[in-house]
Amino acid sequence: MNEYVFEMQLVAAVRVHAVDENVALKVVSSVLGSPGTEEIRIVNEKNAALGSNALVTEVDFSVGNSPKLLKAGNRKSRLRR
C-alpha cells in the first residue's frame, strides 16, 4: 500500500463551563490534542467494516492561533468560518 499525507484546516468550537474566562481558556488546548492509538484503531475498524481499504496510521494536530471567545454567559459572538 502507498502512504498519503494530507493537511487540512480544522475549526473547533470548545464549550467550557468554568468560574471565569481565564480558567476556561487554560483548559481549551487540552482537548485539541492528537488522537491516541486506541481512537485511531476504532476509526480503522469502522472504516474496514464500511469496506474502505485504507488504514489511518497517524494524526497530528497543531493549534495555529489563539482561541477566540464566541460566547460568555448570555453573550454570544458570531462564529466566523
Protein backbone atom coordinates (compact mmCIF):
# COMPACT_ATOMS: atom_id res chain seq x y z
CA MET A 1 0.00 0.00 0.00
CA ASN A 2 1.11 3.58 -0.65
CA GLU A 3 1.25 6.24 2.06
CA TYR A 4 -0.51 9.57 1.56
CA VAL A 5 -0.26 12.57 3.88
CA PHE A 6 -2.96 15.25 3.86
CA GLU A 7 -3.07 18.62 5.60
CA MET A 8 -6.35 20.37 6.29
CA GLN A 9 -7.62 23.29 8.33
CA LEU A 10 -9.71 22.46 11.36
CA VAL A 11 -12.13 24.80 13.12
CA ALA A 12 -13.17 23.70 16.59
CA ALA A 13 -15.66 25.26 18.98
CA VAL A 14 -14.86 24.11 22.52
CA ARG A 15 -17.59 24.70 25.12
CA VAL A 16 -16.22 25.04 28.68
CA HIS A 17 -18.07 25.65 31.94
CA ALA A 18 -15.78 27.48 34.38
CA VAL A 19 -15.79 30.19 37.05
CA ASP A 20 -14.28 32.73 34.65
CA GLU A 21 -12.88 33.13 31.13
CA ASN A 22 -9.22 32.82 32.17
CA VAL A 23 -9.79 29.46 33.85
CA ALA A 24 -11.78 28.24 30.83
CA LEU A 25 -9.09 29.38 28.40
CA LYS A 26 -6.41 27.37 30.24
CA VAL A 27 -8.16 24.04 29.52
CA VAL A 28 -9.12 24.61 25.87
CA SER A 29 -5.87 23.30 24.40
CA SER A 30 -6.09 20.10 26.47
CA VAL A 31 -8.91 18.76 24.26
CA LEU A 32 -7.23 19.65 20.98
CA GLY A 33 -4.52 17.01 21.16
CA SER A 34 -3.96 14.32 18.56
CA PRO A 35 -5.97 11.12 18.92
CA GLY A 36 -4.23 8.20 20.57
CA THR A 37 -3.66 4.73 19.17
CA GLU A 38 -6.96 3.47 20.59
CA GLU A 39 -9.01 6.16 18.83
CA ILE A 40 -7.17 5.51 15.55
CA ARG A 41 -7.77 1.74 15.93
CA ILE A 42 -11.52 2.33 16.38
CA VAL A 43 -11.66 4.54 13.26
CA ASN A 44 -9.76 1.93 11.25
CA GLU A 45 -12.15 -0.82 12.39
CA LYS A 46 -15.15 1.31 11.41
CA ASN A 47 -13.64 2.13 8.01
CA ALA A 48 -12.86 -1.56 7.39
CA ALA A 49 -16.44 -2.50 8.26
CA LEU A 50 -17.61 0.04 5.68
CA GLY A 51 -15.38 -1.56 3.05
CA SER A 52 -12.65 1.09 2.93
CA ASN A 53 -9.29 -0.39 2.00
CA ALA A 54 -7.28 2.28 3.84
CA LEU A 55 -5.52 2.45 7.19
CA VAL A 56 -5.00 5.63 9.22
CA THR A 57 -1.57 5.36 10.85
CA GLU A 58 -1.06 8.76 12.48
CA VAL A 59 -2.85 12.06 13.13
CA ASP A 60 -1.08 15.21 14.33
CA PHE A 61 -2.77 18.47 15.32
CA SER A 62 -1.24 21.86 15.78
CA VAL A 63 -3.06 24.91 17.06
CA GLY A 64 -2.31 27.78 14.70
CA ASN A 65 -3.92 30.66 16.53
CA SER A 66 -5.19 31.72 19.93
CA PRO A 67 -8.70 30.70 20.99
CA LYS A 68 -11.37 33.29 20.17
CA LEU A 69 -14.20 33.77 22.67
CA LEU A 70 -17.56 33.12 20.98
CA LYS A 71 -19.89 33.21 23.99
CA ALA A 72 -19.65 34.35 27.60
CA GLY A 73 -22.65 33.71 29.81
CA ASN A 74 -25.64 35.08 27.89
CA ARG A 75 -23.49 37.00 25.39
CA LYS A 76 -22.78 35.27 22.10
CA SER A 77 -20.40 36.33 19.33
CA ARG A 78 -20.96 35.31 15.74
CA LEU A 79 -18.98 32.27 14.62
CA ARG A 80 -16.93 33.07 11.52
CA ARG A 81 -15.64 30.40 9.16
